[in-house]
Amino acid sequence: MNFIYNNTTLLKHCSNWLIKLGLDDVRKMMRTKDELYQSLGLDNPALTNDDLLKAISENSALLERSDCGKKVKKPKLTTA
């Protein structure tokens, strides 16, 4: 299998993922408080989702990650 994508293909796939996740703004999955985000000027409201996805593709550190090592409390189930 060939997993090499050009940026156009990658951006298209990422845009499709946003739709499937129900996200309308890429910033919702970015580390917006990160110094890199600020230094690249990504807080500019004129930037499009494609602009932000391109920045993520070039700087993966911008992508917010969940804390996979953190234990999550299971919700209590109630019976009706």
Protein backbone atom coordinates (compact mmCIF):
# COMPACT_ATOMS: atom_id res chain seq x y z
CA MET A 1 0.00 0.00 0.00
CA ASN A 2 1.16 3.49 -0.76
CA PHE A 3 0.49 5.99 2.02
CA ILE A 4 2.23 8.95 0.45
CA TYR A 5 -0.19 11.84 -0.01
CA ASN A 6 0.40 15.20 -1.52
CA ASN A 7 -0.87 18.18 0.48
CA THR A 8 -3.95 18.62 -1.72
CA THR A 9 -5.07 15.04 -1.11
CA LEU A 10 -4.35 15.31 2.61
CA LEU A 11 -6.31 18.56 2.92
CA LYS A 12 -9.27 17.01 1.10
CA HIS A 13 -9.29 14.05 3.49
CA CYS A 14 -8.98 16.33 6.52
CA SER A 15 -11.86 18.47 5.29
CA ASN A 16 -13.98 15.33 5.00
CA TRP A 17 -13.04 14.32 8.56
CA LEU A 18 -14.16 17.72 9.82
CA ILE A 19 -17.56 17.22 8.25
CA LYS A 20 -17.87 13.72 9.71
CA LEU A 21 -16.87 15.02 13.16
CA GLY A 22 -19.40 17.82 12.89
CA LEU A 23 -16.76 20.53 13.25
CA ASP A 24 -17.24 23.81 11.46
CA ASP A 25 -13.96 25.38 12.60
CA VAL A 26 -10.54 23.72 12.49
CA ARG A 27 -9.50 25.80 15.50
CA LYS A 28 -11.65 23.50 17.67
CA MET A 29 -9.02 20.79 17.14
CA MET A 30 -5.95 23.00 17.42
CA ARG A 31 -3.76 24.02 20.32
CA THR A 32 -4.83 27.66 20.14
CA LYS A 33 -2.96 28.66 23.31
CA ASP A 34 0.32 27.23 22.03
CA GLU A 35 3.19 29.62 21.31
CA LEU A 36 3.61 28.12 17.81
CA TYR A 37 -0.05 28.90 16.99
CA GLN A 38 0.48 32.52 18.02
CA SER A 39 3.85 32.90 16.30
CA LEU A 40 2.44 31.69 12.98
CA GLY A 41 -0.39 34.22 13.19
CA LEU A 42 -3.06 31.51 13.07
CA ASP A 43 -5.37 33.56 15.29
CA ASN A 44 -6.14 35.71 12.23
CA PRO A 45 -9.92 35.34 11.66
CA ALA A 46 -9.41 35.82 7.90
CA LEU A 47 -7.70 32.41 7.64
CA THR A 48 -9.85 29.66 6.16
CA ASN A 49 -10.15 26.08 7.38
CA ASP A 50 -7.94 25.04 4.46
CA ASP A 51 -5.28 27.54 5.58
CA LEU A 52 -5.38 26.10 9.10
CA LEU A 53 -5.29 22.51 7.87
CA LYS A 54 -2.25 23.36 5.77
CA ALA A 55 -0.57 24.76 8.89
CA ILE A 56 -1.39 21.54 10.79
CA SER A 57 0.00 19.42 7.94
CA GLU A 58 3.26 21.38 8.16
CA ASN A 59 3.34 21.56 11.99
CA SER A 60 1.66 18.56 13.60
CA ALA A 61 2.35 20.01 17.06
CA LEU A 62 -0.60 22.34 16.41
CA LEU A 63 -3.05 19.45 16.56
CA GLU A 64 -4.78 19.05 19.93
CA ARG A 65 -4.36 15.61 21.42
CA SER A 66 -6.43 13.99 24.11
CA ASP A 67 -4.72 12.72 27.22
CA CYS A 68 -4.82 9.00 26.48
CA GLY A 69 -3.00 8.08 29.68
CA LYS A 70 -5.56 9.77 31.91
CA LYS A 71 -8.13 7.56 33.59
CA VAL A 72 -11.69 8.53 32.79
CA LYS A 73 -14.45 7.91 35.28
CA LYS A 74 -17.24 5.84 33.85
CA PRO A 75 -20.65 7.46 34.23
CA LYS A 76 -23.05 5.82 36.65
CA LEU A 77 -25.90 4.10 34.89
CA THR A 78 -29.33 4.58 36.33
CA THR A 79 -32.36 2.47 35.72
CA ALA A 80 -35.68 4.05 35.02
